[in-house]
Amino acid sequence: MLYVIGTPIGNLNDITLRALEALKAADVIAAEDTRHSGNLLRHFEIRKPLVSYHEHNEAMRTAELSERLANGEHVALITDAGMPGVSDPGARLIRACIERGLDYTVIPGVSAVLTALVGSGFSLDRFCFCGFLPVKSGGRERDLRNAAEREETTVFFESPYRINKTLAACVEIMPERLLCVARELTKKFEEFRRGTASELLAHYEAHPAKGEITLVVSGADDRGARTRG
């Protein structure tokens, strides 16, 4: 059985009882970064063999883990934070299980996407998650223009080192649209900061952003987003 397990995105208390049970039952744990996940496992006193599973060895490791699953072993799949497969490795192994008829289950956990979306105060009825914004300006501006044209809320992941460039692009592309920068989610310095692109850019130029960032763009027809704050 493959256990696809969501892990905390910052606060270790967000781990679920079911996730802990699956980790303890696994014969091997496949982790995006074994050092990072090792800290999580040590915190909960879980001692299991760890193997790396990341974008650079995903193809090779999928073949290895598929064989172990076919031989009846229990494999737990985790990433550094959040759900495997959501802007992180994992989808390839799940597809391999589907193709080979191997049993798998998904154990949900904290999601930065949903946490940021709810905390933004924007419409929750429909939304589009687009993963990490492209590093190159051309691709980044294309994705932001697409977001500006959507009626539904759009959610992106962004680096603290590029957020100012992204906000500067938003000033040009959607100057009146309300945005929300969700930062350090579930951690001590968690922040949900709403405003126009120019307001947010002015803030983060004066106070450089740190930590993981999720950027939420209100929809073109989101009346609730007109409430400022």
Protein backbone atom coordinates (compact mmCIF):
# COMPACT_ATOMS: atom_id res chain seq x y z
CA MET A 1 0.00 0.00 0.00
CA LEU A 2 1.19 3.50 -0.86
CA TYR A 3 0.30 6.18 1.68
CA VAL A 4 0.39 9.68 0.17
CA ILE A 5 0.66 11.82 3.29
CA GLY A 6 0.16 15.53 3.81
CA THR A 7 2.59 17.01 6.33
CA PRO A 8 2.66 20.32 8.25
CA ILE A 9 3.63 23.46 6.35
CA GLY A 10 5.16 25.13 9.39
CA ASN A 11 3.44 24.15 12.62
CA LEU A 12 4.20 20.57 13.64
CA ASN A 13 1.00 20.45 15.69
CA ASP A 14 -0.92 20.33 12.41
CA ILE A 15 0.10 16.70 11.79
CA THR A 16 -2.91 14.39 11.82
CA LEU A 17 -3.34 11.25 13.89
CA ARG A 18 -3.93 9.28 10.70
CA ALA A 19 -0.69 10.59 9.20
CA LEU A 20 1.25 9.49 12.27
CA GLU A 21 -0.34 6.04 12.16
CA ALA A 22 0.59 5.61 8.50
CA LEU A 23 4.17 6.77 9.04
CA LYS A 24 4.57 4.31 11.90
CA ALA A 25 3.11 1.48 9.79
CA ALA A 26 5.31 2.11 6.75
CA ASP A 27 8.19 -0.18 5.82
CA VAL A 28 9.95 2.75 4.15
CA ILE A 29 9.34 6.49 3.91
CA ALA A 30 10.06 8.30 0.64
CA ALA A 31 10.83 11.96 1.36
CA GLU A 32 11.64 14.95 -0.82
CA ASP A 33 14.50 15.92 1.51
CA THR A 34 15.49 13.18 3.96
CA ARG A 35 17.26 15.64 6.28
CA HIS A 36 14.24 17.92 6.51
CA SER A 37 11.78 15.07 6.96
CA GLY A 38 14.13 13.42 9.42
CA ASN A 39 13.51 16.32 11.79
CA LEU A 40 9.76 15.76 11.54
CA LEU A 41 10.08 12.04 12.20
CA ARG A 42 12.43 12.52 15.13
CA HIS A 43 10.02 15.01 16.69
CA PHE A 44 7.34 12.31 16.73
CA GLU A 45 9.81 9.55 17.61
CA ILE A 46 9.24 7.65 14.37
CA ARG A 47 12.19 5.54 13.30
CA LYS A 48 11.83 4.15 9.80
CA PRO A 49 14.14 3.77 6.80
CA LEU A 50 14.19 6.91 4.65
CA VAL A 51 14.85 7.19 0.91
CA SER A 52 15.00 10.39 -1.11
CA TYR A 53 12.28 11.11 -3.66
CA HIS A 54 12.74 14.39 -5.53
CA GLU A 55 12.63 15.85 -9.02
CA HIS A 56 16.15 14.68 -9.86
CA ASN A 57 15.60 10.98 -9.06
CA GLU A 58 11.82 10.70 -9.38
CA ALA A 59 11.84 8.42 -12.43
CA MET A 60 14.38 5.98 -10.98
CA ARG A 61 12.86 5.99 -7.52
CA THR A 62 9.35 5.48 -8.87
CA ALA A 63 10.45 2.23 -10.49
CA GLU A 64 12.12 1.06 -7.26
CA LEU A 65 9.19 1.95 -5.02
CA SER A 66 6.67 0.43 -7.42
CA GLU A 67 8.48 -2.89 -7.12
CA ARG A 68 8.48 -2.67 -3.34
CA LEU A 69 4.76 -1.95 -3.39
CA ALA A 70 4.15 -4.86 -5.76
CA ASN A 71 5.99 -7.09 -3.28
CA GLY A 72 3.58 -6.13 -0.53
CA GLU A 73 5.54 -3.45 1.30
CA HIS A 74 3.95 -0.33 2.77
CA VAL A 75 5.46 2.90 1.43
CA ALA A 76 4.79 6.37 2.85
CA LEU A 77 5.33 9.34 0.52
CA ILE A 78 5.90 12.79 2.00
CA THR A 79 7.32 16.13 0.87
CA ASP A 80 9.04 18.91 2.78
CA ALA A 81 5.69 20.55 3.50
CA GLY A 82 2.10 20.05 2.41
CA MET A 83 0.68 17.52 -0.03
CA PRO A 84 2.85 15.41 -2.34
CA GLY A 85 2.12 16.17 -5.97
CA VAL A 86 1.05 19.78 -5.39
CA SER A 87 4.02 21.70 -6.83
CA ASP A 88 6.11 18.88 -5.36
CA PRO A 89 7.09 15.33 -6.42
CA GLY A 90 4.51 12.59 -6.10
CA ALA A 91 2.22 12.47 -9.12
CA ARG A 92 4.51 10.07 -11.03
CA LEU A 93 4.40 7.45 -8.27
CA ILE A 94 0.62 7.73 -7.96
CA ARG A 95 0.25 7.25 -11.72
CA ALA A 96 2.52 4.19 -11.52
CA CYS A 97 0.21 2.70 -8.89
CA ILE A 98 -2.81 3.37 -11.09
CA GLU A 99 -1.16 1.80 -14.14
CA ARG A 100 -0.06 -1.31 -12.23
CA GLY A 101 -3.22 -1.69 -10.16
CA LEU A 102 -1.38 -1.14 -6.87
CA ASP A 103 -3.29 0.02 -3.80
CA TYR A 104 -2.82 3.59 -2.61
CA THR A 105 -4.57 6.05 -0.34
CA VAL A 106 -4.29 9.79 0.24
CA ILE A 107 -4.07 11.08 3.81
CA PRO A 108 -4.91 14.78 3.61
CA GLY A 109 -3.15 17.44 5.58
CA VAL A 110 -2.54 21.18 5.68
CA SER A 111 -2.60 22.97 2.33
CA ALA A 112 -0.88 26.31 1.78
CA VAL A 113 -3.22 26.88 -1.16
CA LEU A 114 -6.42 26.54 0.86
CA THR A 115 -5.00 28.26 3.94
CA ALA A 116 -4.02 31.31 1.89
CA LEU A 117 -7.28 31.29 -0.04
CA VAL A 118 -9.43 31.25 3.10
CA GLY A 119 -7.25 33.85 4.83
CA SER A 120 -7.41 36.22 1.86
CA GLY A 121 -11.11 36.89 2.33
CA PHE A 122 -11.64 36.64 -1.43
CA SER A 123 -14.29 34.48 -3.09
CA LEU A 124 -13.99 30.77 -2.25
CA ASP A 125 -16.64 29.50 -4.68
CA ARG A 126 -14.21 29.02 -7.56
CA PHE A 127 -10.47 29.38 -7.77
CA CYS A 128 -7.53 28.50 -10.02
CA PHE A 129 -4.22 27.28 -8.57
CA CYS A 130 -1.28 27.88 -10.90
CA GLY A 131 1.69 26.69 -8.85
CA PHE A 132 4.93 28.66 -8.83
CA LEU A 133 5.11 31.74 -11.02
CA PRO A 134 7.76 31.44 -13.75
CA VAL A 135 11.21 32.80 -12.93
CA LYS A 136 11.57 34.60 -16.26
CA SER A 137 9.70 37.88 -16.59
CA GLY A 138 7.95 36.94 -19.84
CA GLY A 139 6.33 33.84 -18.42
CA ARG A 140 5.56 35.57 -15.14
CA GLU A 141 3.78 38.46 -16.87
CA ARG A 142 1.84 36.04 -19.09
CA ASP A 143 0.53 34.15 -16.06
CA LEU A 144 -0.36 37.38 -14.27
CA ARG A 145 -2.26 38.68 -17.30
CA ASN A 146 -4.21 35.43 -17.40
CA ALA A 147 -5.03 35.86 -13.71
CA ALA A 148 -6.19 39.42 -14.32
CA GLU A 149 -8.68 38.17 -16.91
CA ARG A 150 -10.19 35.42 -14.74
CA GLU A 151 -13.47 35.90 -12.93
CA GLU A 152 -12.38 33.45 -10.25
CA THR A 153 -9.68 33.86 -7.60
CA THR A 154 -6.15 32.81 -8.63
CA VAL A 155 -3.49 31.38 -6.30
CA PHE A 156 0.26 31.33 -6.98
CA PHE A 157 3.35 30.28 -5.05
CA GLU A 158 6.17 32.82 -5.12
CA SER A 159 9.66 33.25 -3.73
CA PRO A 160 10.37 36.04 -1.22
CA TYR A 161 13.29 37.00 -3.46
CA ARG A 162 10.98 37.65 -6.44
CA ILE A 163 7.81 38.93 -4.79
CA ASN A 164 8.72 42.60 -5.39
CA LYS A 165 9.27 41.97 -9.11
CA THR A 166 5.93 40.17 -9.23
CA LEU A 167 4.13 43.00 -7.44
CA ALA A 168 5.77 45.54 -9.76
CA ALA A 169 4.41 43.59 -12.72
CA CYS A 170 0.97 43.56 -11.08
CA VAL A 171 1.10 47.36 -10.80
CA GLU A 172 1.27 47.49 -14.59
CA ILE A 173 -1.09 44.61 -15.36
CA MET A 174 -3.87 45.01 -12.74
CA PRO A 175 -3.32 48.23 -10.76
CA GLU A 176 -6.79 48.32 -9.16
CA ARG A 177 -7.13 44.62 -8.32
CA LEU A 178 -6.92 43.60 -4.68
CA LEU A 179 -4.24 41.04 -3.87
CA CYS A 180 -3.27 39.15 -0.75
CA VAL A 181 0.26 38.14 0.20
CA ALA A 182 -0.02 35.17 2.57
CA ARG A 183 3.31 34.62 4.27
CA GLU A 184 4.77 32.20 6.82
CA LEU A 185 1.49 30.31 7.03
CA THR A 186 0.81 28.47 10.32
CA LYS A 187 4.05 29.86 11.78
CA LYS A 188 4.70 32.44 14.52
CA PHE A 189 4.91 35.38 12.10
CA GLU A 190 2.00 34.36 9.86
CA GLU A 191 0.72 37.26 7.78
CA PHE A 192 -2.23 37.92 5.48
CA ARG A 193 -1.63 41.33 3.89
CA ARG A 194 -4.26 42.67 1.49
CA GLY A 195 -4.05 45.66 -0.80
CA THR A 196 -3.46 46.82 -4.34
CA ALA A 197 -0.21 45.90 -6.01
CA SER A 198 1.23 49.38 -5.44
CA GLU A 199 0.31 49.31 -1.74
CA LEU A 200 1.84 45.89 -1.24
CA LEU A 201 4.95 46.78 -3.23
CA ALA A 202 5.52 49.89 -1.10
CA HIS A 203 5.22 47.79 2.06
CA TYR A 204 7.61 45.04 0.96
CA GLU A 205 10.14 47.50 -0.42
CA ALA A 206 10.28 49.01 3.07
CA HIS A 207 9.99 45.66 4.86
CA PRO A 208 11.56 42.90 2.71
CA ALA A 209 9.49 39.73 2.72
CA LYS A 210 10.83 36.61 4.35
CA GLY A 211 9.62 33.01 4.34
CA GLU A 212 7.30 31.05 2.09
CA ILE A 213 4.81 33.17 0.12
CA THR A 214 1.45 32.40 -1.42
CA LEU A 215 0.01 35.17 -3.60
CA VAL A 216 -3.77 35.35 -3.99
CA VAL A 217 -5.31 37.45 -6.78
CA SER A 218 -8.96 38.38 -6.39
CA GLY A 219 -11.26 37.55 -9.28
CA ALA A 220 -12.33 40.17 -11.80
CA ASP A 221 -15.94 39.89 -10.59
CA ASP A 222 -15.28 39.41 -6.86
CA ARG A 223 -17.44 41.99 -5.10
CA GLY A 224 -16.27 40.80 -1.69
CA ALA A 225 -12.72 41.74 -2.62
CA ARG A 226 -13.69 45.40 -2.68
CA THR A 227 -13.63 45.43 1.12
CA ARG A 228 -10.21 46.77 1.90
CA GLY A 229 -8.07 45.85 4.87
